[in-house]
Protein backbone atom coordinates (compact mmCIF):
# COMPACT_ATOMS: atom_id res chain seq x y z
CA MET A 1 25.22 -5.51 -19.95
CA ASN A 2 28.88 -6.61 -20.58
CA PRO A 3 30.80 -4.70 -18.13
CA LYS A 4 33.35 -2.85 -20.62
CA ALA A 5 30.26 -2.14 -22.43
CA THR A 6 29.61 0.80 -20.20
CA SER A 7 29.86 4.68 -20.39
CA TRP A 8 33.52 5.95 -19.96
CA VAL A 9 31.96 8.50 -17.75
CA ARG A 10 29.85 6.76 -15.12
CA THR A 11 27.10 9.12 -15.03
CA GLN A 12 26.24 9.07 -18.86
CA GLU A 13 23.27 7.43 -19.63
CA SER A 14 21.59 8.05 -22.77
CA GLY A 15 18.06 6.90 -22.68
CA PRO A 16 16.49 3.81 -23.41
CA LYS A 17 18.41 3.80 -26.96
CA LYS A 18 21.82 2.70 -26.40
CA ALA A 19 24.87 1.90 -28.30
CA ILE A 20 25.36 -1.83 -29.35
CA PRO A 21 28.64 -2.93 -28.50
CA VAL A 22 30.60 -4.93 -31.71
CA LEU A 23 33.18 -6.77 -32.10
CA PRO A 24 35.48 -6.27 -35.60
CA ASP A 25 33.15 -9.17 -37.31
CA ALA A 26 29.98 -7.28 -36.72
CA ALA A 27 31.44 -4.04 -37.13
CA SER A 28 33.01 -5.02 -40.94
CA ARG A 29 29.77 -6.50 -41.65
CA ILE A 30 27.71 -3.15 -40.61
CA ILE A 31 30.55 -0.96 -42.60
CA LYS A 32 30.18 -3.42 -45.78
CA LYS A 33 26.39 -2.81 -45.60
CA ALA A 34 26.64 0.62 -45.91
CA LYS A 35 26.39 2.52 -49.13
CA ARG A 36 28.04 5.43 -48.14
CA PRO A 37 30.28 5.07 -45.19
CA ALA A 38 32.19 8.11 -43.74
CA LEU A 39 35.40 7.96 -40.71
CA VAL A 40 35.70 11.55 -39.14
CA ILE A 41 39.03 11.49 -37.18
CA GLY A 42 40.01 14.00 -34.83
CA SER A 43 43.60 15.34 -33.36
CA LYS A 44 43.90 12.84 -30.98
CA ILE A 45 44.39 10.46 -34.15
CA ASN A 46 48.12 10.54 -33.63
CA ASP A 47 48.16 9.81 -29.56
CA VAL A 48 48.65 6.06 -30.13
CA ASP A 49 51.54 4.76 -32.51
CA GLY A 50 49.96 2.94 -35.56
CA VAL A 51 46.11 4.34 -35.38
CA LEU A 52 46.77 6.84 -38.03
CA ASP A 53 48.24 4.12 -40.70
CA ARG A 54 45.20 1.88 -39.85
CA VAL A 55 42.98 4.60 -40.06
CA ILE A 56 44.94 5.26 -44.14
CA GLU A 57 44.04 1.70 -44.51
CA LEU A 58 40.54 1.80 -43.74
CA LYS A 59 40.34 4.73 -46.37
CA LYS A 60 41.72 2.05 -48.84
CA THR A 61 38.70 0.10 -48.36
CA GLY A 62 36.29 2.85 -49.66
CA ILE A 63 35.50 4.43 -46.33
CA GLU A 64 35.49 8.62 -47.07
CA ILE A 65 37.82 9.96 -44.56
CA VAL A 66 36.93 13.53 -42.57
CA ALA A 67 40.04 15.23 -40.71
CA THR A 68 38.71 17.22 -37.98
CA GLY A 69 41.63 19.76 -36.28
CA HIS A 70 44.99 19.31 -37.11
CA SER A 71 44.39 15.98 -38.28
CA ILE A 72 44.51 16.68 -41.98
CA LYS A 73 48.38 17.80 -41.33
CA PHE A 74 49.43 14.06 -39.91
CA LEU A 75 47.18 12.53 -42.91
CA LEU A 76 49.02 15.01 -45.57
CA ASP A 77 52.54 14.12 -44.24
CA LYS A 78 51.61 10.42 -45.30
CA GLY A 79 50.62 11.46 -48.19
CA THR A 80 46.69 10.77 -48.23
CA ASP A 81 44.03 13.49 -48.66
CA ALA A 82 40.59 13.62 -46.63
CA PHE A 83 37.63 16.05 -46.33
CA HIS A 84 38.78 18.89 -43.77
CA ALA A 85 35.83 20.34 -41.49
CA GLY A 86 35.71 21.13 -37.65
CA VAL A 87 33.61 18.70 -35.60
CA VAL A 88 30.90 20.55 -34.61
CA GLU A 89 30.88 21.65 -38.34
CA VAL A 90 30.88 18.19 -39.70
CA THR A 91 28.39 17.51 -37.17
CA ASN A 92 25.96 20.02 -38.19
CA MET A 93 26.14 19.38 -41.45
CA LEU A 94 25.35 15.83 -41.30
CA THR A 95 21.96 17.52 -39.46
CA ASP A 96 21.52 18.94 -42.70
CA SER A 97 19.14 16.84 -45.11
CA ASP A 98 20.09 19.40 -47.96
CA TRP A 99 24.06 18.72 -47.47
CA GLN A 100 25.50 16.64 -50.60
CA GLY A 101 27.91 15.47 -48.39
CA ILE A 102 31.86 14.94 -48.23
CA ASP A 103 32.13 14.16 -52.03
CA GLY A 104 28.93 15.74 -53.31
CA ARG A 105 27.36 12.56 -54.04
CA GLY A 106 24.76 12.76 -51.30
CA LEU A 107 24.92 12.29 -47.13
CA PRO A 108 26.72 9.21 -45.41
CA ASP A 109 24.58 6.21 -44.17
CA LEU A 110 26.89 5.11 -41.58
CA VAL A 111 29.41 8.01 -39.79
CA MET A 112 32.41 6.12 -37.85
CA VAL A 113 34.71 8.44 -35.41
CA MET A 114 37.91 7.72 -34.01
CA GLY A 115 40.91 9.98 -32.46
CA VAL A 116 37.97 13.10 -31.72
CA HIS A 117 38.06 14.39 -27.98
CA LEU A 118 35.63 11.97 -26.29
CA ASP A 119 33.25 14.61 -25.25
CA LEU A 120 32.75 15.69 -28.73
CA THR A 121 32.36 12.32 -29.66
CA ASN A 122 29.59 11.87 -27.29
CA GLN A 123 28.10 14.99 -28.44
CA THR A 124 28.27 14.02 -32.21
CA PHE A 125 26.65 10.84 -31.28
CA SER A 126 23.99 12.27 -29.50
CA THR A 127 23.37 14.55 -32.07
CA LEU A 128 23.03 11.96 -34.79
CA LYS A 129 20.72 9.59 -32.83
CA ASN A 130 18.11 12.51 -32.04
CA PHE A 131 18.15 14.60 -35.10
CA THR A 132 19.09 12.52 -37.99
CA ASP A 133 18.52 9.16 -39.64
CA ILE A 134 22.07 8.13 -39.81
CA GLU A 135 23.63 5.16 -38.19
CA SER A 136 26.70 5.92 -36.54
CA MET A 137 29.87 3.56 -34.70
CA CYS A 138 32.63 4.77 -32.27
CA LEU A 139 35.96 2.76 -33.06
CA ASP A 140 37.48 4.62 -30.53
CA ARG A 141 38.57 2.42 -27.48
CA TYR A 142 36.23 3.80 -25.20
CA PHE A 143 32.25 2.70 -25.19
CA MET A 144 29.76 5.70 -26.48
CA VAL A 145 26.64 4.91 -25.53
CA ASN A 146 25.00 7.46 -27.65
CA ALA A 147 26.29 6.02 -30.85
CA THR A 148 24.37 3.28 -32.78
CA TYR A 149 27.16 0.90 -32.28
CA SER A 150 30.47 1.03 -30.55
CA PHE A 151 33.64 -0.91 -29.48
CA PRO A 152 33.81 -1.85 -25.95
CA ASN A 153 35.94 -0.13 -23.52
CA LEU A 154 39.52 -1.82 -24.68
CA THR A 155 43.40 -1.63 -23.71
CA GLU A 156 45.49 0.25 -26.60
CA ASP A 157 47.06 -3.30 -27.26
CA ILE A 158 43.46 -4.68 -27.85
CA TRP A 159 42.16 -1.72 -29.80
CA LEU A 160 44.88 -2.15 -32.27
CA GLU A 161 44.13 -5.93 -32.80
CA TYR A 162 40.48 -5.07 -33.37
CA LEU A 163 41.31 -2.62 -35.87
CA ASP A 164 43.94 -4.42 -37.60
CA GLU A 165 40.89 -7.25 -37.81
CA LEU A 166 38.54 -5.08 -38.82
CA ILE A 167 40.43 -4.07 -41.83
CA LYS A 168 41.39 -7.22 -42.53
CA LYS A 169 37.53 -7.70 -42.91
CA CYS A 170 36.65 -4.78 -44.55
CA GLU A 171 39.24 -5.57 -47.75
């Protein structure tokens, strides 16, 4: 296994089913293949300059945005709207096969997460892995073993480069 594709918590092991580390090219192909991709963002989305602008660019490619915590304020300040709910609430709704999804047209088939506290991110991916058929992808700079796919552990500069490349390939 790639040494950069190890869990951000040394003791975090997910059992036999672990995330596949992806680079922007593979991530873009997975996103394009999805019929209903959704990106869940959290309150830490503004911790690194420029990440929120990249989220807005991803939304322009057809990805639905779910804003959790006070991240909705950051989007509204930039003139962008999104579905608003708490992380735990969204995770629970995704496990409900009767829920009609973010826009009322059905559940997403790919859920990506960015800017959510790492422990909540890990639990969201664990829940999706164990209780749904929804694929998941971590677009944060930390490898998440419970996701279906995840960026490897990255420095901030390389993470921003990955996001730029992902946006370019998703357009």
